[in-house]
Amino acid sequence: MARTRSKSDLPSKLCPVCQRPFTWRKKWEDCWDEVKYCSERCRRRRNTANSEKHGD
């Protein structure tokens, strides 16, 4: 039986849309390097956030 990791030991990233940290999830096990957004909502809002930053 594998030893479980505590949540503080899991890797985390910062969401570029909402600027909140999010941690690794089991469903992202095979694609963690490609994960950029904390949620589907932030993924959909990515273009809106970019245009606000650049003042377009």
PDB file of N, CA and C in Angstrom:
ATOM      1  N   MET A   1       0.842  -1.175   0.000  1.00  0.00           N
ATOM      2  CA  MET A   1       0.000   0.000   0.000  1.00  0.00           C
ATOM      3  C   MET A   1       0.892   1.245   0.000  1.00  0.00           C
ATOM      4  N   ALA A   2       0.616   2.176  -0.897  1.00  0.00           N
ATOM      5  CA  ALA A   2       1.430   3.379  -1.027  1.00  0.00           C
ATOM      6  C   ALA A   2       1.123   4.376   0.086  1.00  0.00           C
ATOM      7  N   ARG A   3       2.144   5.070   0.492  1.00  0.00           N
ATOM      8  CA  ARG A   3       1.973   6.096   1.511  1.00  0.00           C
ATOM      9  C   ARG A   3       1.423   7.358   0.859  1.00  0.00           C
ATOM     10  N   THR A   4       0.394   7.941   1.431  1.00  0.00           N
ATOM     11  CA  THR A   4      -0.191   9.139   0.851  1.00  0.00           C
ATOM     12  C   THR A   4       0.631  10.366   1.221  1.00  0.00           C
ATOM     13  N   ARG A   5       0.636  11.326   0.314  1.00  0.00           N
ATOM     14  CA  ARG A   5       1.359  12.574   0.544  1.00  0.00           C
ATOM     15  C   ARG A   5       0.431  13.581   1.208  1.00  0.00           C
ATOM     16  N   SER A   6       0.994  14.438   2.028  1.00  0.00           N
ATOM     17  CA  SER A   6       0.167  15.491   2.606  1.00  0.00           C
ATOM     18  C   SER A   6      -0.010  16.596   1.568  1.00  0.00           C
ATOM     19  N   LYS A   7      -1.050  17.376   1.702  1.00  0.00           N
ATOM     20  CA  LYS A   7      -1.346  18.420   0.724  1.00  0.00           C
ATOM     21  C   LYS A   7      -0.224  19.444   0.619  1.00  0.00           C
ATOM     22  N   SER A   8       0.472  19.682   1.704  1.00  0.00           N
ATOM     23  CA  SER A   8       1.563  20.660   1.670  1.00  0.00           C
ATOM     24  C   SER A   8       2.761  20.165   0.861  1.00  0.00           C
ATOM     25  N   ASP A   9       2.843  18.848   0.612  1.00  0.00           N
ATOM     26  CA  ASP A   9       3.942  18.288  -0.171  1.00  0.00           C
ATOM     27  C   ASP A   9       3.668  18.281  -1.671  1.00  0.00           C
ATOM     28  N   LEU A  10       2.425  18.583  -2.079  1.00  0.00           N
ATOM     29  CA  LEU A  10       2.072  18.550  -3.488  1.00  0.00           C
ATOM     30  C   LEU A  10       2.589  19.796  -4.203  1.00  0.00           C
ATOM     31  N   PRO A  11       2.980  19.655  -5.473  1.00  0.00           N
ATOM     32  CA  PRO A  11       3.433  20.835  -6.220  1.00  0.00           C
ATOM     33  C   PRO A  11       2.270  21.787  -6.474  1.00  0.00           C
ATOM     34  N   SER A  12       2.598  23.057  -6.650  1.00  0.00           N
ATOM     35  CA  SER A  12       1.554  24.039  -6.920  1.00  0.00           C
ATOM     36  C   SER A  12       2.015  25.012  -7.998  1.00  0.00           C
ATOM     37  N   LYS A  13       1.052  25.715  -8.577  1.00  0.00           N
ATOM     38  CA  LYS A  13       1.304  26.722  -9.605  1.00  0.00           C
ATOM     39  C   LYS A  13       0.415  27.919  -9.325  1.00  0.00           C
ATOM     40  N   LEU A  14       0.695  29.030 -10.014  1.00  0.00           N
ATOM     41  CA  LEU A  14      -0.109  30.225  -9.893  1.00  0.00           C
ATOM     42  C   LEU A  14      -0.919  30.402 -11.165  1.00  0.00           C
ATOM     43  N   CYS A  15      -2.215  30.568 -11.030  1.00  0.00           N
ATOM     44  CA  CYS A  15      -3.101  30.744 -12.174  1.00  0.00           C
ATOM     45  C   CYS A  15      -2.881  32.136 -12.767  1.00  0.00           C
ATOM     46  N   PRO A  16      -2.607  32.241 -14.076  1.00  0.00           N
ATOM     47  CA  PRO A  16      -2.359  33.556 -14.685  1.00  0.00           C
ATOM     48  C   PRO A  16      -3.610  34.430 -14.790  1.00  0.00           C
ATOM     49  N   VAL A  17      -4.794  33.855 -14.651  1.00  0.00           N
ATOM     50  CA  VAL A  17      -6.035  34.624 -14.775  1.00  0.00           C
ATOM     51  C   VAL A  17      -6.450  35.211 -13.429  1.00  0.00           C
ATOM     52  N   CYS A  18      -6.595  34.362 -12.422  1.00  0.00           N
ATOM     53  CA  CYS A  18      -7.087  34.830 -11.121  1.00  0.00           C
ATOM     54  C   CYS A  18      -5.968  35.096 -10.107  1.00  0.00           C
ATOM     55  N   GLN A  19      -4.739  34.741 -10.476  1.00  0.00           N
ATOM     56  CA  GLN A  19      -3.560  34.960  -9.617  1.00  0.00           C
ATOM     57  C   GLN A  19      -3.626  34.218  -8.289  1.00  0.00           C
ATOM     58  N   ARG A  20      -4.348  33.097  -8.268  1.00  0.00           N
ATOM     59  CA  ARG A  20      -4.434  32.280  -7.056  1.00  0.00           C
ATOM     60  C   ARG A  20      -3.612  31.015  -7.240  1.00  0.00           C
ATOM     61  N   PRO A  21      -3.017  30.522  -6.169  1.00  0.00           N
ATOM     62  CA  PRO A  21      -2.275  29.261  -6.273  1.00  0.00           C
ATOM     63  C   PRO A  21      -3.228  28.076  -6.349  1.00  0.00           C
ATOM     64  N   PHE A  22      -2.828  27.062  -7.097  1.00  0.00           N
ATOM     65  CA  PHE A  22      -3.586  25.815  -7.137  1.00  0.00           C
ATOM     66  C   PHE A  22      -2.603  24.663  -7.095  1.00  0.00           C
ATOM     67  N   THR A  23      -3.049  23.554  -6.530  1.00  0.00           N
ATOM     68  CA  THR A  23      -2.161  22.417  -6.325  1.00  0.00           C
ATOM     69  C   THR A  23      -2.463  21.276  -7.281  1.00  0.00           C
ATOM     70  N   TRP A  24      -1.504  20.396  -7.383  1.00  0.00           N
ATOM     71  CA  TRP A  24      -1.567  19.215  -8.229  1.00  0.00           C
ATOM     72  C   TRP A  24      -2.778  18.367  -7.887  1.00  0.00           C
ATOM     73  N   ARG A  25      -3.394  17.788  -8.927  1.00  0.00           N
ATOM     74  CA  ARG A  25      -4.515  16.862  -8.738  1.00  0.00           C
ATOM     75  C   ARG A  25      -4.207  15.560  -9.458  1.00  0.00           C
ATOM     76  N   LYS A  26      -4.777  14.506  -8.968  1.00  0.00           N
ATOM     77  CA  LYS A  26      -4.567  13.176  -9.553  1.00  0.00           C
ATOM     78  C   LYS A  26      -4.917  13.157 -11.039  1.00  0.00           C
ATOM     79  N   LYS A  27      -5.985  13.843 -11.444  1.00  0.00           N
ATOM     80  CA  LYS A  27      -6.387  13.830 -12.851  1.00  0.00           C
ATOM     81  C   LYS A  27      -5.371  14.544 -13.747  1.00  0.00           C
ATOM     82  N   TRP A  28      -4.486  15.362 -13.157  1.00  0.00           N
ATOM     83  CA  TRP A  28      -3.446  16.053 -13.923  1.00  0.00           C
ATOM     84  C   TRP A  28      -2.120  15.304 -13.869  1.00  0.00           C
ATOM     85  N   GLU A  29      -2.121  14.088 -13.376  1.00  0.00           N
ATOM     86  CA  GLU A  29      -0.895  13.326 -13.175  1.00  0.00           C
ATOM     87  C   GLU A  29      -0.044  13.229 -14.446  1.00  0.00           C
ATOM     88  N   ASP A  30      -0.677  12.963 -15.592  1.00  0.00           N
ATOM     89  CA  ASP A  30       0.056  12.767 -16.840  1.00  0.00           C
ATOM     90  C   ASP A  30       0.316  14.058 -17.604  1.00  0.00           C
ATOM     91  N   CYS A  31      -0.319  15.158 -17.222  1.00  0.00           N
ATOM     92  CA  CYS A  31      -0.182  16.399 -18.004  1.00  0.00           C
ATOM     93  C   CYS A  31       0.099  17.628 -17.136  1.00  0.00           C
ATOM     94  N   TRP A  32       0.677  17.447 -15.969  1.00  0.00           N
ATOM     95  CA  TRP A  32       0.914  18.558 -15.043  1.00  0.00           C
ATOM     96  C   TRP A  32       1.739  19.676 -15.680  1.00  0.00           C
ATOM     97  N   ASP A  33       2.684  19.341 -16.550  1.00  0.00           N
ATOM     98  CA  ASP A  33       3.513  20.360 -17.186  1.00  0.00           C
ATOM     99  C   ASP A  33       2.703  21.257 -18.119  1.00  0.00           C
ATOM    100  N   GLU A  34       1.613  20.744 -18.679  1.00  0.00           N
ATOM    101  CA  GLU A  34       0.784  21.521 -19.599  1.00  0.00           C
ATOM    102  C   GLU A  34      -0.327  22.303 -18.901  1.00  0.00           C
ATOM    103  N   VAL A  35      -0.613  21.981 -17.654  1.00  0.00           N
ATOM    104  CA  VAL A  35      -1.699  22.651 -16.929  1.00  0.00           C
ATOM    105  C   VAL A  35      -1.283  24.091 -16.619  1.00  0.00           C
ATOM    106  N   LYS A  36      -2.134  25.049 -17.022  1.00  0.00           N
ATOM    107  CA  LYS A  36      -1.839  26.464 -16.798  1.00  0.00           C
ATOM    108  C   LYS A  36      -2.887  27.156 -15.935  1.00  0.00           C
ATOM    109  N   TYR A  37      -4.118  26.669 -15.986  1.00  0.00           N
ATOM    110  CA  TYR A  37      -5.226  27.350 -15.327  1.00  0.00           C
ATOM    111  C   TYR A  37      -5.797  26.493 -14.206  1.00  0.00           C
ATOM    112  N   CYS A  38      -6.301  27.140 -13.164  1.00  0.00           N
ATOM    113  CA  CYS A  38      -6.800  26.415 -12.000  1.00  0.00           C
ATOM    114  C   CYS A  38      -8.158  25.779 -12.244  1.00  0.00           C
ATOM    115  N   SER A  39      -8.907  26.295 -13.216  1.00  0.00           N
ATOM    116  CA  SER A  39     -10.249  25.786 -13.436  1.00  0.00           C
ATOM    117  C   SER A  39     -10.674  26.005 -14.881  1.00  0.00           C
ATOM    118  N   GLU A  40     -11.775  25.389 -15.231  1.00  0.00           N
ATOM    119  CA  GLU A  40     -12.352  25.576 -16.563  1.00  0.00           C
ATOM    120  C   GLU A  40     -12.800  27.027 -16.737  1.00  0.00           C
ATOM    121  N   ARG A  41     -13.307  27.615 -15.694  1.00  0.00           N
ATOM    122  CA  ARG A  41     -13.747  29.010 -15.754  1.00  0.00           C
ATOM    123  C   ARG A  41     -12.582  29.940 -16.093  1.00  0.00           C
ATOM    124  N   CYS A  42     -11.442  29.748 -15.459  1.00  0.00           N
ATOM    125  CA  CYS A  42     -10.270  30.577 -15.756  1.00  0.00           C
ATOM    126  C   CYS A  42      -9.735  30.291 -17.160  1.00  0.00           C
ATOM    127  N   ARG A  43      -9.809  29.057 -17.595  1.00  0.00           N
ATOM    128  CA  ARG A  43      -9.357  28.736 -18.943  1.00  0.00           C
ATOM    129  C   ARG A  43     -10.203  29.477 -19.978  1.00  0.00           C
ATOM    130  N   ARG A  44     -11.508  29.564 -19.741  1.00  0.00           N
ATOM    131  CA  ARG A  44     -12.393  30.278 -20.664  1.00  0.00           C
ATOM    132  C   ARG A  44     -12.183  31.787 -20.605  1.00  0.00           C
ATOM    133  N   ARG A  45     -11.765  32.306 -19.456  1.00  0.00           N
ATOM    134  CA  ARG A  45     -11.583  33.746 -19.277  1.00  0.00           C
ATOM    135  C   ARG A  45     -10.177  34.212 -19.639  1.00  0.00           C
ATOM    136  N   ARG A  46      -9.312  33.340 -20.141  1.00  0.00           N
ATOM    137  CA  ARG A  46      -7.913  33.690 -20.391  1.00  0.00           C
ATOM    138  C   ARG A  46      -7.748  34.867 -21.341  1.00  0.00           C
ATOM    139  N   ASN A  47      -8.547  34.953 -22.402  1.00  0.00           N
ATOM    140  CA  ASN A  47      -8.426  36.055 -23.353  1.00  0.00           C
ATOM    141  C   ASN A  47      -8.878  37.374 -22.744  1.00  0.00           C
ATOM    142  N   THR A  48      -9.889  37.351 -21.927  1.00  0.00           N
ATOM    143  CA  THR A  48     -10.368  38.550 -21.262  1.00  0.00           C
ATOM    144  C   THR A  48      -9.302  39.103 -20.326  1.00  0.00           C
ATOM    145  N   ALA A  49      -8.638  38.237 -19.596  1.00  0.00           N
ATOM    146  CA  ALA A  49      -7.608  38.660 -18.659  1.00  0.00           C
ATOM    147  C   ALA A  49      -6.410  39.248 -19.403  1.00  0.00           C
ATOM    148  N   ASN A  50      -6.040  38.654 -20.530  1.00  0.00           N
ATOM    149  CA  ASN A  50      -4.908  39.165 -21.303  1.00  0.00           C
ATOM    150  C   ASN A  50      -5.198  40.542 -21.868  1.00  0.00           C
ATOM    151  N   SER A  51      -6.393  40.788 -22.366  1.00  0.00           N
ATOM    152  CA  SER A  51      -6.713  42.083 -22.946  1.00  0.00           C
ATOM    153  C   SER A  51      -6.792  43.165 -21.875  1.00  0.00           C
ATOM    154  N   GLU A  52      -7.201  42.817 -20.648  1.00  0.00           N
ATOM    155  CA  GLU A  52      -7.246  43.785 -19.565  1.00  0.00           C
ATOM    156  C   GLU A  52      -5.846  44.191 -19.133  1.00  0.00           C
ATOM    157  N   LYS A  53      -4.921  43.258 -19.124  1.00  0.00           N
ATOM    158  CA  LYS A  53      -3.545  43.548 -18.728  1.00  0.00           C
ATOM    159  C   LYS A  53      -2.868  44.493 -19.721  1.00  0.00           C
ATOM    160  N   HIS A  54      -3.120  44.288 -20.993  1.00  0.00           N
ATOM    161  CA  HIS A  54      -2.445  45.051 -22.033  1.00  0.00           C
ATOM    162  C   HIS A  54      -3.178  46.328 -22.404  1.00  0.00           C
ATOM    163  N   GLY A  55      -4.355  46.554 -21.842  1.00  0.00           N
ATOM    164  CA  GLY A  55      -5.109  47.753 -22.105  1.00  0.00           C
ATOM    165  C   GLY A  55      -5.705  47.846 -23.482  1.00  0.00           C
ATOM    166  N   ASP A  56      -5.999  46.710 -24.114  1.00  0.00           N
ATOM    167  CA  ASP A  56      -6.594  46.700 -25.454  1.00  0.00           C
ATOM    168  C   ASP A  56      -8.051  47.081 -25.432  1.00  0.00           C
TER     169      ASP A  56
END
